[in-house]
Amino acid sequence: MAEFPSWTWVVFAGVLFPLLFLDLYVHRGGRHSTRRAAISWSIVWVAVGLAFTIFVWAVGDARSAQEYLAAYLIEKSLSLDNLFVFLIIFASLRVPPKLQHTALTWGIFGALVFRAIFVFAGAAALRQWHWVNYLFGAILFAAAFHAMREHPDEVKESKLARWLSAHLPVTNKVEGPHFFVKQNGRRYATPLLVAVVALELTDVMFAIDSVPAALAVTRHEFLVYSSNAFAILGLRALYLVLARTISQMRYLHYGLGGVLAFAGLKLVTAEWVKVPPLLSVGIIVVMIGAAIYASVRAARREAPASGPPRPIQGHPRT
């Protein structure tokens, strides 16, 4: 395994944090919220994440670059699942599009913190105890099963958002960008705060799946965390691009389930079967690409007869 000296973390932070603040600055106050701008920025963020492969190759070796790329593709594909849940949370709490970016900003910063905790704890556990491979594999198999069995046919609200609203003193409507308001001398949380809390808790649940999935292709903390961070980087722009179409990806959950099952299989058979990182990249691309292609074909085939797009669908984690 190639070694990554401390200065590589400094370079990584020096690239990531200015880009995070650039993303925050560009989209401040709902600016550049058109679909065309979001597509352009999504391309930029994906290009940045892929370009970091060159840095990994230069500092480490070709295998490290392939492992980073495989981990990045896993995290980017699983982030599509995050977006679907975000849609349901915002719809359940009736958060207007202009304020959804505020919630996503806090959600992204929280995700970076939680992913760091999970990455370092998970990698340390795998080094210390071999049986953790089987534990993580079982978690991924369970996640794959839940992803594949849930056919998005029923309209559902977010159970997490509903539970938070029932157990917190919350106002009935969004009060602008405020997290708290005073009414009748009492302080109440707003639905926007509930949305942020729901996003953070949702990301913790997703990290339980996505971090072990990345650890299935590489055990190096630098590669796992940097791939996670760059996959999260363009989440706000990607959300705006896919907000109207992600609910129509009816077969996407099969592709995501396949990726999770593949990662789980890699973990539990790592002692006997060595899957080259480049082959992992190909398998991930084929699974997600086939699911998206099948979904798009089905949507186009039914478009003339079905009229407008179907409403936001349910999800096993909401």
C-alpha atoms as a PDB file:
ATOM      1  CA  MET A   1       0.000   0.000   0.000  1.00  0.00           C
ATOM      2  CA  ALA A   2       1.358   3.396  -0.976  1.00  0.00           C
ATOM      3  CA  GLU A   3       2.026   5.798   1.882  1.00  0.00           C
ATOM      4  CA  PHE A   4       0.565   9.292   1.946  1.00  0.00           C
ATOM      5  CA  PRO A   5       2.644  11.723   4.014  1.00  0.00           C
ATOM      6  CA  SER A   6       1.105  14.386   6.231  1.00  0.00           C
ATOM      7  CA  TRP A   7       1.595  17.130   3.660  1.00  0.00           C
ATOM      8  CA  THR A   8      -0.888  15.393   1.310  1.00  0.00           C
ATOM      9  CA  TRP A   9      -3.602  16.088   3.879  1.00  0.00           C
ATOM     10  CA  VAL A  10      -2.580  19.738   3.855  1.00  0.00           C
ATOM     11  CA  VAL A  11      -2.839  19.851   0.063  1.00  0.00           C
ATOM     12  CA  PHE A  12      -6.208  18.096   0.190  1.00  0.00           C
ATOM     13  CA  ALA A  13      -7.568  20.578   2.759  1.00  0.00           C
ATOM     14  CA  GLY A  14      -6.076  23.462   0.758  1.00  0.00           C
ATOM     15  CA  VAL A  15      -8.069  22.330  -2.272  1.00  0.00           C
ATOM     16  CA  LEU A  16     -11.289  21.224  -0.590  1.00  0.00           C
ATOM     17  CA  PHE A  17     -12.087  24.112   1.747  1.00  0.00           C
ATOM     18  CA  PRO A  18     -11.656  26.949  -0.785  1.00  0.00           C
ATOM     19  CA  LEU A  19     -13.921  24.990  -3.137  1.00  0.00           C
ATOM     20  CA  LEU A  20     -16.507  24.560  -0.379  1.00  0.00           C
ATOM     21  CA  PHE A  21     -16.526  28.290   0.270  1.00  0.00           C
ATOM     22  CA  LEU A  22     -16.685  28.940  -3.478  1.00  0.00           C
ATOM     23  CA  ASP A  23     -19.760  26.712  -3.667  1.00  0.00           C
ATOM     24  CA  LEU A  24     -21.266  28.576  -0.718  1.00  0.00           C
ATOM     25  CA  TYR A  25     -20.467  31.991  -2.237  1.00  0.00           C
ATOM     26  CA  VAL A  26     -21.752  31.151  -5.712  1.00  0.00           C
ATOM     27  CA  HIS A  27     -25.106  29.891  -4.419  1.00  0.00           C
ATOM     28  CA  ARG A  28     -25.596  32.448  -1.646  1.00  0.00           C
ATOM     29  CA  GLY A  29     -29.163  33.706  -1.391  1.00  0.00           C
ATOM     30  CA  GLY A  30     -30.364  31.280  -4.050  1.00  0.00           C
ATOM     31  CA  ARG A  31     -28.152  32.785  -6.756  1.00  0.00           C
ATOM     32  CA  HIS A  32     -27.313  30.716  -9.845  1.00  0.00           C
ATOM     33  CA  SER A  33     -30.199  28.403  -9.016  1.00  0.00           C
ATOM     34  CA  THR A  34     -31.199  27.791 -12.628  1.00  0.00           C
ATOM     35  CA  ARG A  35     -30.962  24.279 -13.976  1.00  0.00           C
ATOM     36  CA  ARG A  36     -28.414  25.293 -16.612  1.00  0.00           C
ATOM     37  CA  ALA A  37     -26.105  26.820 -13.998  1.00  0.00           C
ATOM     38  CA  ALA A  38     -26.518  23.776 -11.779  1.00  0.00           C
ATOM     39  CA  ILE A  39     -25.536  21.464 -14.640  1.00  0.00           C
ATOM     40  CA  SER A  40     -22.438  23.561 -15.324  1.00  0.00           C
ATOM     41  CA  TRP A  41     -21.387  23.533 -11.666  1.00  0.00           C
ATOM     42  CA  SER A  42     -22.093  19.806 -11.372  1.00  0.00           C
ATOM     43  CA  ILE A  43     -19.719  19.194 -14.271  1.00  0.00           C
ATOM     44  CA  VAL A  44     -17.096  21.369 -12.558  1.00  0.00           C
ATOM     45  CA  TRP A  45     -17.367  19.496  -9.239  1.00  0.00           C
ATOM     46  CA  VAL A  46     -17.233  16.077 -10.889  1.00  0.00           C
ATOM     47  CA  ALA A  47     -14.212  17.198 -12.910  1.00  0.00           C
ATOM     48  CA  VAL A  48     -12.478  18.332  -9.703  1.00  0.00           C
ATOM     49  CA  GLY A  49     -13.178  14.992  -8.015  1.00  0.00           C
ATOM     50  CA  LEU A  50     -11.860  13.048 -10.999  1.00  0.00           C
ATOM     51  CA  ALA A  51      -8.850  15.343 -11.420  1.00  0.00           C
ATOM     52  CA  PHE A  52      -7.782  14.573  -7.848  1.00  0.00           C
ATOM     53  CA  THR A  53      -7.049  11.067  -9.147  1.00  0.00           C
ATOM     54  CA  ILE A  54      -4.005  12.542 -10.898  1.00  0.00           C
ATOM     55  CA  PHE A  55      -2.679  13.935  -7.602  1.00  0.00           C
ATOM     56  CA  VAL A  56      -3.200  10.569  -5.897  1.00  0.00           C
ATOM     57  CA  TRP A  57      -1.353   8.840  -8.733  1.00  0.00           C
ATOM     58  CA  ALA A  58       1.537  11.299  -8.572  1.00  0.00           C
ATOM     59  CA  VAL A  59       1.949  10.981  -4.805  1.00  0.00           C
ATOM     60  CA  GLY A  60       1.135   7.287  -4.511  1.00  0.00           C
ATOM     61  CA  ASP A  61       0.950   4.886  -7.443  1.00  0.00           C
ATOM     62  CA  ALA A  62      -1.407   3.634 -10.143  1.00  0.00           C
ATOM     63  CA  ARG A  63      -3.160   1.229  -7.773  1.00  0.00           C
ATOM     64  CA  SER A  64      -3.841   4.022  -5.285  1.00  0.00           C
ATOM     65  CA  ALA A  65      -5.329   6.129  -8.075  1.00  0.00           C
ATOM     66  CA  GLN A  66      -7.592   3.248  -9.116  1.00  0.00           C
ATOM     67  CA  GLU A  67      -8.698   2.683  -5.518  1.00  0.00           C
ATOM     68  CA  TYR A  68      -9.494   6.381  -5.105  1.00  0.00           C
ATOM     69  CA  LEU A  69     -11.487   6.371  -8.347  1.00  0.00           C
ATOM     70  CA  ALA A  70     -13.461   3.273  -7.298  1.00  0.00           C
ATOM     71  CA  ALA A  71     -14.228   4.793  -3.876  1.00  0.00           C
ATOM     72  CA  TYR A  72     -15.224   8.100  -5.489  1.00  0.00           C
ATOM     73  CA  LEU A  73     -17.620   6.396  -7.899  1.00  0.00           C
ATOM     74  CA  ILE A  74     -19.195   4.408  -5.057  1.00  0.00           C
ATOM     75  CA  GLU A  75     -19.741   7.531  -2.980  1.00  0.00           C
ATOM     76  CA  LYS A  76     -21.001   9.562  -5.943  1.00  0.00           C
ATOM     77  CA  SER A  77     -23.509   6.891  -6.925  1.00  0.00           C
ATOM     78  CA  LEU A  78     -24.723   6.459  -3.339  1.00  0.00           C
ATOM     79  CA  SER A  79     -25.116  10.240  -3.084  1.00  0.00           C
ATOM     80  CA  LEU A  80     -27.994   9.870  -5.572  1.00  0.00           C
ATOM     81  CA  ASP A  81     -29.773   7.938  -2.846  1.00  0.00           C
ATOM     82  CA  ASN A  82     -29.143  10.846  -0.463  1.00  0.00           C
ATOM     83  CA  LEU A  83     -30.741  13.266  -2.912  1.00  0.00           C
ATOM     84  CA  PHE A  84     -33.884  11.180  -3.108  1.00  0.00           C
ATOM     85  CA  VAL A  85     -34.266  11.243   0.679  1.00  0.00           C
ATOM     86  CA  PHE A  86     -33.547  14.985   0.753  1.00  0.00           C
ATOM     87  CA  LEU A  87     -36.434  15.519  -1.673  1.00  0.00           C
ATOM     88  CA  ILE A  88     -38.819  13.676   0.607  1.00  0.00           C
ATOM     89  CA  ILE A  89     -37.648  15.556   3.707  1.00  0.00           C
ATOM     90  CA  PHE A  90     -38.111  18.949   2.035  1.00  0.00           C
ATOM     91  CA  ALA A  91     -41.509  17.931   0.659  1.00  0.00           C
ATOM     92  CA  SER A  92     -42.655  16.636   4.064  1.00  0.00           C
ATOM     93  CA  LEU A  93     -41.677  19.890   5.803  1.00  0.00           C
ATOM     94  CA  ARG A  94     -42.767  22.131   2.903  1.00  0.00           C
ATOM     95  CA  VAL A  95     -39.395  23.862   2.723  1.00  0.00           C
ATOM     96  CA  PRO A  96     -39.436  26.240  -0.283  1.00  0.00           C
ATOM     97  CA  PRO A  97     -36.737  25.757  -2.944  1.00  0.00           C
ATOM     98  CA  LYS A  98     -35.046  29.073  -2.070  1.00  0.00           C
ATOM     99  CA  LEU A  99     -34.326  27.848   1.472  1.00  0.00           C
ATOM    100  CA  GLN A 100     -33.421  24.285   0.558  1.00  0.00           C
ATOM    101  CA  HIS A 101     -29.905  25.442  -0.301  1.00  0.00           C
ATOM    102  CA  THR A 102     -29.494  26.745   3.257  1.00  0.00           C
ATOM    103  CA  ALA A 103     -30.404  23.352   4.684  1.00  0.00           C
ATOM    104  CA  LEU A 104     -28.133  21.577   2.201  1.00  0.00           C
ATOM    105  CA  THR A 105     -25.198  23.826   3.151  1.00  0.00           C
ATOM    106  CA  TRP A 106     -25.451  22.855   6.808  1.00  0.00           C
ATOM    107  CA  GLY A 107     -26.021  19.262   5.806  1.00  0.00           C
ATOM    108  CA  ILE A 108     -22.846  19.172   3.719  1.00  0.00           C
ATOM    109  CA  PHE A 109     -20.650  20.602   6.470  1.00  0.00           C
ATOM    110  CA  GLY A 110     -22.131  18.141   8.941  1.00  0.00           C
ATOM    111  CA  ALA A 111     -21.570  15.272   6.509  1.00  0.00           C
ATOM    112  CA  LEU A 112     -17.861  16.113   6.233  1.00  0.00           C
ATOM    113  CA  VAL A 113     -17.508  15.915  10.016  1.00  0.00           C
ATOM    114  CA  PHE A 114     -19.473  12.685  10.429  1.00  0.00           C
ATOM    115  CA  ARG A 115     -17.699  11.000   7.500  1.00  0.00           C
ATOM    116  CA  ALA A 116     -14.314  11.808   9.066  1.00  0.00           C
ATOM    117  CA  ILE A 117     -15.378  10.105  12.301  1.00  0.00           C
ATOM    118  CA  PHE A 118     -16.710   7.035  10.516  1.00  0.00           C
ATOM    119  CA  VAL A 119     -13.727   6.744   8.145  1.00  0.00           C
ATOM    120  CA  PHE A 120     -11.012   6.836  10.797  1.00  0.00           C
ATOM    121  CA  ALA A 121     -12.970   4.672  13.245  1.00  0.00           C
ATOM    122  CA  GLY A 122     -13.851   2.141  10.548  1.00  0.00           C
ATOM    123  CA  ALA A 123     -10.325   1.891   9.132  1.00  0.00           C
ATOM    124  CA  ALA A 124      -8.854   1.500  12.626  1.00  0.00           C
ATOM    125  CA  ALA A 125     -11.391  -1.227  13.466  1.00  0.00           C
ATOM    126  CA  LEU A 126     -10.562  -3.148  10.282  1.00  0.00           C
ATOM    127  CA  ARG A 127      -6.857  -3.055  11.098  1.00  0.00           C
ATOM    128  CA  GLN A 128      -7.425  -4.139  14.696  1.00  0.00           C
ATOM    129  CA  TRP A 129     -10.039  -6.875  14.277  1.00  0.00           C
ATOM    130  CA  HIS A 130     -10.444  -9.100  11.229  1.00  0.00           C
ATOM    131  CA  TRP A 131     -14.056 -10.004  12.114  1.00  0.00           C
ATOM    132  CA  VAL A 132     -15.073  -6.399  11.443  1.00  0.00           C
ATOM    133  CA  ASN A 133     -14.857  -7.293   7.729  1.00  0.00           C
ATOM    134  CA  TYR A 134     -17.796  -9.643   8.215  1.00  0.00           C
ATOM    135  CA  LEU A 135     -19.697  -7.109  10.322  1.00  0.00           C
ATOM    136  CA  PHE A 136     -19.331  -4.426   7.657  1.00  0.00           C
ATOM    137  CA  GLY A 137     -20.169  -6.984   4.984  1.00  0.00           C
ATOM    138  CA  ALA A 138     -23.382  -7.893   6.819  1.00  0.00           C
ATOM    139  CA  ILE A 139     -24.300  -4.189   7.082  1.00  0.00           C
ATOM    140  CA  LEU A 140     -23.808  -3.761   3.344  1.00  0.00           C
ATOM    141  CA  PHE A 141     -25.784  -6.895   2.488  1.00  0.00           C
ATOM    142  CA  ALA A 142     -28.647  -5.674   4.678  1.00  0.00           C
ATOM    143  CA  ALA A 143     -28.524  -2.239   3.031  1.00  0.00           C
ATOM    144  CA  ALA A 144     -28.501  -3.855  -0.420  1.00  0.00           C
ATOM    145  CA  PHE A 145     -31.519  -5.996   0.487  1.00  0.00           C
ATOM    146  CA  HIS A 146     -33.497  -2.996   1.738  1.00  0.00           C
ATOM    147  CA  ALA A 147     -32.540  -0.952  -1.338  1.00  0.00           C
ATOM    148  CA  MET A 148     -33.612  -3.647  -3.788  1.00  0.00           C
ATOM    149  CA  ARG A 149     -36.839  -4.770  -2.137  1.00  0.00           C
ATOM    150  CA  GLU A 150     -38.361  -1.276  -1.906  1.00  0.00           C
ATOM    151  CA  HIS A 151     -40.135  -0.633  -5.194  1.00  0.00           C
ATOM    152  CA  PRO A 152     -40.973   3.090  -5.176  1.00  0.00           C
ATOM    153  CA  ASP A 153     -44.697   2.888  -5.903  1.00  0.00           C
ATOM    154  CA  GLU A 154     -46.258   4.553  -2.878  1.00  0.00           C
ATOM    155  CA  VAL A 155     -46.115   8.216  -1.978  1.00  0.00           C
ATOM    156  CA  LYS A 156     -44.684   8.584   1.525  1.00  0.00           C
ATOM    157  CA  GLU A 157     -43.518  11.355   3.763  1.00  0.00           C
ATOM    158  CA  SER A 158     -40.308  11.315   5.747  1.00  0.00           C
ATOM    159  CA  LYS A 159     -40.885   9.338   8.941  1.00  0.00           C
ATOM    160  CA  LEU A 160     -37.811  10.960  10.452  1.00  0.00           C
ATOM    161  CA  ALA A 161     -39.043  14.489   9.712  1.00  0.00           C
ATOM    162  CA  ARG A 162     -42.487  13.585  11.022  1.00  0.00           C
ATOM    163  CA  TRP A 163     -41.024  12.179  14.268  1.00  0.00           C
ATOM    164  CA  LEU A 164     -38.858  15.259  14.822  1.00  0.00           C
ATOM    165  CA  SER A 165     -41.826  17.558  14.199  1.00  0.00           C
ATOM    166  CA  ALA A 166     -43.889  15.614  16.719  1.00  0.00           C
ATOM    167  CA  HIS A 167     -41.229  15.686  19.459  1.00  0.00           C
ATOM    168  CA  LEU A 168     -39.917  19.229  19.060  1.00  0.00           C
ATOM    169  CA  PRO A 169     -41.718  22.549  19.570  1.00  0.00           C
ATOM    170  CA  VAL A 170     -42.005  23.488  15.904  1.00  0.00           C
ATOM    171  CA  THR A 171     -43.937  26.217  14.110  1.00  0.00           C
ATOM    172  CA  ASN A 172     -46.436  25.269  11.446  1.00  0.00           C
ATOM    173  CA  LYS A 173     -44.676  27.120   8.644  1.00  0.00           C
ATOM    174  CA  VAL A 174     -41.197  28.116   7.515  1.00  0.00           C
ATOM    175  CA  GLU A 175     -40.182  31.511   8.897  1.00  0.00           C
ATOM    176  CA  GLY A 176     -37.720  32.649   6.250  1.00  0.00           C
ATOM    177  CA  PRO A 177     -34.082  31.637   6.856  1.00  0.00           C
ATOM    178  CA  HIS A 178     -34.558  31.516  10.643  1.00  0.00           C
ATOM    179  CA  PHE A 179     -34.010  28.369  12.696  1.00  0.00           C
ATOM    180  CA  PHE A 180     -35.853  29.719  15.752  1.00  0.00           C
ATOM    181  CA  VAL A 181     -38.687  32.202  16.270  1.00  0.00           C
ATOM    182  CA  LYS A 182     -40.470  33.589  19.314  1.00  0.00           C
ATOM    183  CA  GLN A 183     -44.224  33.203  19.589  1.00  0.00           C
ATOM    184  CA  ASN A 184     -46.244  34.153  22.667  1.00  0.00           C
ATOM    185  CA  GLY A 185     -43.057  34.514  24.689  1.00  0.00           C
ATOM    186  CA  ARG A 186     -41.809  31.012  23.821  1.00  0.00           C
ATOM    187  CA  ARG A 187     -38.995  29.998  21.485  1.00  0.00           C
ATOM    188  CA  TYR A 188     -39.969  27.573  18.723  1.00  0.00           C
ATOM    189  CA  ALA A 189     -37.921  25.732  16.137  1.00  0.00           C
ATOM    190  CA  THR A 190     -38.869  26.253  12.495  1.00  0.00           C
ATOM    191  CA  PRO A 191     -39.335  23.511   9.878  1.00  0.00           C
ATOM    192  CA  LEU A 192     -36.035  24.674   8.364  1.00  0.00           C
ATOM    193  CA  LEU A 193     -34.183  23.620  11.546  1.00  0.00           C
ATOM    194  CA  VAL A 194     -36.038  20.302  11.532  1.00  0.00           C
ATOM    195  CA  ALA A 195     -34.927  19.817   7.913  1.00  0.00           C
ATOM    196  CA  VAL A 196     -31.277  20.448   8.838  1.00  0.00           C
ATOM    197  CA  VAL A 197     -31.447  18.026  11.786  1.00  0.00           C
ATOM    198  CA  ALA A 198     -33.163  15.425   9.593  1.00  0.00           C
ATOM    199  CA  LEU A 199     -30.471  15.834   6.918  1.00  0.00           C
ATOM    200  CA  GLU A 200     -27.690  15.361   9.484  1.00  0.00           C
ATOM    201  CA  LEU A 201     -29.300  12.266  11.002  1.00  0.00           C
ATOM    202  CA  THR A 202     -29.980  10.884   7.542  1.00  0.00           C
ATOM    203  CA  ASP A 203     -26.337  11.328   6.580  1.00  0.00           C
ATOM    204  CA  VAL A 204     -25.260   9.437   9.703  1.00  0.00           C
ATOM    205  CA  MET A 205     -27.441   6.541   8.552  1.00  0.00           C
ATOM    206  CA  PHE A 206     -26.038   6.750   5.041  1.00  0.00           C
ATOM    207  CA  ALA A 207     -22.460   6.877   6.363  1.00  0.00           C
ATOM    208  CA  ILE A 208     -23.028   3.512   8.050  1.00  0.00           C
ATOM    209  CA  ASP A 209     -23.437   2.090   4.533  1.00  0.00           C
ATOM    210  CA  SER A 210     -21.249   4.287   2.358  1.00  0.00           C
ATOM    211  CA  VAL A 211     -18.073   4.310   4.462  1.00  0.00           C
ATOM    212  CA  PRO A 212     -17.848   0.490   4.667  1.00  0.00           C
ATOM    213  CA  ALA A 213     -18.564   0.415   0.917  1.00  0.00           C
ATOM    214  CA  ALA A 214     -15.550   2.678   0.282  1.00  0.00           C
ATOM    215  CA  LEU A 215     -13.438   0.658   2.725  1.00  0.00           C
ATOM    216  CA  ALA A 216     -14.231  -2.384   0.603  1.00  0.00           C
ATOM    217  CA  VAL A 217     -12.096  -0.986  -2.223  1.00  0.00           C
ATOM    218  CA  THR A 218      -9.360   0.721  -0.172  1.00  0.00           C
ATOM    219  CA  ARG A 219      -8.261   0.648   3.457  1.00  0.00           C
ATOM    220  CA  HIS A 220      -6.342   3.926   3.351  1.00  0.00           C
ATOM    221  CA  GLU A 221      -8.024   6.730   5.304  1.00  0.00           C
ATOM    222  CA  PHE A 222      -6.711   9.400   2.946  1.00  0.00           C
ATOM    223  CA  LEU A 223      -8.285   7.768  -0.105  1.00  0.00           C
ATOM    224  CA  VAL A 224     -11.581   6.968   1.624  1.00  0.00           C
ATOM    225  CA  TYR A 225     -12.088  10.404   3.138  1.00  0.00           C
ATOM    226  CA  SER A 226     -10.916  12.425   0.132  1.00  0.00           C
ATOM    227  CA  SER A 227     -13.212  10.410  -2.158  1.00  0.00           C
ATOM    228  CA  ASN A 228     -16.109  10.972   0.267  1.00  0.00           C
ATOM    229  CA  ALA A 229     -15.407  14.685   0.519  1.00  0.00           C
ATOM    230  CA  PHE A 230     -15.182  15.276  -3.224  1.00  0.00           C
ATOM    231  CA  ALA A 231     -18.338  13.210  -3.809  1.00  0.00           C
ATOM    232  CA  ILE A 232     -20.175  15.414  -1.294  1.00  0.00           C
ATOM    233  CA  LEU A 233     -18.700  18.651  -2.683  1.00  0.00           C
ATOM    234  CA  GLY A 234     -21.117  19.113  -5.585  1.00  0.00           C
ATOM    235  CA  LEU A 235     -24.196  17.788  -3.816  1.00  0.00           C
ATOM    236  CA  ARG A 236     -26.055  21.128  -3.814  1.00  0.00           C
ATOM    237  CA  ALA A 237     -25.714  21.656  -7.555  1.00  0.00           C
ATOM    238  CA  LEU A 238     -26.473  18.003  -8.284  1.00  0.00           C
ATOM    239  CA  TYR A 239     -29.613  18.239  -6.163  1.00  0.00           C
ATOM    240  CA  LEU A 240     -30.886  21.125  -8.268  1.00  0.00           C
ATOM    241  CA  VAL A 241     -30.107  19.220 -11.472  1.00  0.00           C
ATOM    242  CA  LEU A 242     -31.907  16.052 -10.409  1.00  0.00           C
ATOM    243  CA  ALA A 243     -34.664  17.458  -8.168  1.00  0.00           C
ATOM    244  CA  ARG A 244     -37.317  17.057 -10.869  1.00  0.00           C
ATOM    245  CA  THR A 245     -36.116  13.770 -12.325  1.00  0.00           C
ATOM    246  CA  ILE A 246     -34.629  11.656  -9.518  1.00  0.00           C
ATOM    247  CA  SER A 247     -38.091  10.386  -8.475  1.00  0.00           C
ATOM    248  CA  GLN A 248     -38.524   8.945 -11.986  1.00  0.00           C
ATOM    249  CA  MET A 249     -35.405   6.773 -11.688  1.00  0.00           C
ATOM    250  CA  ARG A 250     -37.513   3.728 -10.891  1.00  0.00           C
ATOM    251  CA  TYR A 251     -34.698   1.209 -11.343  1.00  0.00           C
ATOM    252  CA  LEU A 252     -31.949   3.201  -9.680  1.00  0.00           C
ATOM    253  CA  HIS A 253     -32.465   1.416  -6.360  1.00  0.00           C
ATOM    254  CA  TYR A 254     -31.517  -1.866  -8.047  1.00  0.00           C
ATOM    255  CA  GLY A 255     -28.234  -0.397  -9.241  1.00  0.00           C
ATOM    256  CA  LEU A 256     -27.471   1.081  -5.820  1.00  0.00           C
ATOM    257  CA  GLY A 257     -28.369  -2.210  -4.161  1.00  0.00           C
ATOM    258  CA  GLY A 258     -26.040  -4.010  -6.560  1.00  0.00           C
ATOM    259  CA  VAL A 259     -23.178  -1.665  -5.689  1.00  0.00           C
ATOM    260  CA  LEU A 260     -23.743  -2.203  -1.951  1.00  0.00           C
ATOM    261  CA  ALA A 261     -23.937  -5.987  -2.404  1.00  0.00           C
ATOM    262  CA  PHE A 262     -20.742  -5.978  -4.483  1.00  0.00           C
ATOM    263  CA  ALA A 263     -18.928  -3.977  -1.791  1.00  0.00           C
ATOM    264  CA  GLY A 264     -20.181  -6.353   0.892  1.00  0.00           C
ATOM    265  CA  LEU A 265     -19.013  -9.353  -1.128  1.00  0.00           C
ATOM    266  CA  LYS A 266     -15.581  -7.772  -1.507  1.00  0.00           C
ATOM    267  CA  LEU A 267     -15.299  -7.310   2.250  1.00  0.00           C
ATOM    268  CA  VAL A 268     -16.267 -10.835   3.264  1.00  0.00           C
ATOM    269  CA  THR A 269     -14.161 -12.511   0.554  1.00  0.00           C
ATOM    270  CA  ALA A 270     -11.155 -10.174   0.737  1.00  0.00           C
ATOM    271  CA  GLU A 271      -9.023 -12.892   2.355  1.00  0.00           C
ATOM    272  CA  TRP A 272      -9.463 -15.257  -0.584  1.00  0.00           C
ATOM    273  CA  VAL A 273     -10.509 -13.193  -3.618  1.00  0.00           C
ATOM    274  CA  LYS A 274      -8.607 -10.133  -4.789  1.00  0.00           C
ATOM    275  CA  VAL A 275     -10.622  -7.910  -7.109  1.00  0.00           C
ATOM    276  CA  PRO A 276      -8.410  -5.378  -8.948  1.00  0.00           C
ATOM    277  CA  PRO A 277      -9.462  -1.771  -8.304  1.00  0.00           C
ATOM    278  CA  LEU A 278      -9.925  -1.086 -12.015  1.00  0.00           C
ATOM    279  CA  LEU A 279     -12.332  -4.019 -12.283  1.00  0.00           C
ATOM    280  CA  SER A 280     -14.244  -2.581  -9.323  1.00  0.00           C
ATOM    281  CA  VAL A 281     -14.545   0.715 -11.213  1.00  0.00           C
ATOM    282  CA  GLY A 282     -15.963  -1.087 -14.245  1.00  0.00           C
ATOM    283  CA  ILE A 283     -18.492  -3.076 -12.210  1.00  0.00           C
ATOM    284  CA  ILE A 284     -19.745   0.059 -10.432  1.00  0.00           C
ATOM    285  CA  VAL A 285     -20.089   2.008 -13.695  1.00  0.00           C
ATOM    286  CA  VAL A 286     -21.972  -0.838 -15.381  1.00  0.00           C
ATOM    287  CA  MET A 287     -24.399  -1.318 -12.463  1.00  0.00           C
ATOM    288  CA  ILE A 288     -25.312   2.344 -12.063  1.00  0.00           C
ATOM    289  CA  GLY A 289     -25.244   3.034 -15.789  1.00  0.00           C
ATOM    290  CA  ALA A 290     -27.571   0.101 -16.541  1.00  0.00           C
ATOM    291  CA  ALA A 291     -30.028   1.195 -13.820  1.00  0.00           C
ATOM    292  CA  ILE A 292     -30.122   4.787 -15.069  1.00  0.00           C
ATOM    293  CA  TYR A 293     -30.432   3.688 -18.717  1.00  0.00           C
ATOM    294  CA  ALA A 294     -33.332   1.354 -17.916  1.00  0.00           C
ATOM    295  CA  SER A 295     -35.056   4.086 -15.879  1.00  0.00           C
ATOM    296  CA  VAL A 296     -34.698   6.684 -18.635  1.00  0.00           C
ATOM    297  CA  ARG A 297     -36.005   4.266 -21.277  1.00  0.00           C
ATOM    298  CA  ALA A 298     -39.013   3.365 -19.123  1.00  0.00           C
ATOM    299  CA  ALA A 299     -39.780   7.044 -18.445  1.00  0.00           C
ATOM    300  CA  ARG A 300     -39.589   7.939 -22.142  1.00  0.00           C
ATOM    301  CA  ARG A 301     -41.764   4.972 -23.109  1.00  0.00           C
ATOM    302  CA  GLU A 302     -44.514   5.991 -20.677  1.00  0.00           C
ATOM    303  CA  ALA A 303     -44.235   9.781 -21.102  1.00  0.00           C
ATOM    304  CA  PRO A 304     -46.967  10.265 -23.751  1.00  0.00           C
ATOM    305  CA  ALA A 305     -49.530   8.183 -21.875  1.00  0.00           C
ATOM    306  CA  SER A 306     -48.802   9.155 -18.291  1.00  0.00           C
ATOM    307  CA  GLY A 307     -48.768  12.943 -18.606  1.00  0.00           C
ATOM    308  CA  PRO A 308     -46.843  14.909 -15.965  1.00  0.00           C
ATOM    309  CA  PRO A 309     -44.109  13.286 -13.829  1.00  0.00           C
ATOM    310  CA  ARG A 310     -45.219  11.207 -10.867  1.00  0.00           C
ATOM    311  CA  PRO A 311     -44.926  12.721  -7.366  1.00  0.00           C
ATOM    312  CA  ILE A 312     -41.983  12.084  -5.095  1.00  0.00           C
ATOM    313  CA  GLN A 313     -41.810   8.429  -4.181  1.00  0.00           C
ATOM    314  CA  GLY A 314     -41.104   6.651  -0.937  1.00  0.00           C
ATOM    315  CA  HIS A 315     -37.765   5.394   0.316  1.00  0.00           C
ATOM    316  CA  PRO A 316     -36.912   2.670   2.853  1.00  0.00           C
ATOM    317  CA  ARG A 317     -34.779   5.027   4.970  1.00  0.00           C
ATOM    318  CA  THR A 318     -37.361   7.769   5.430  1.00  0.00           C
END
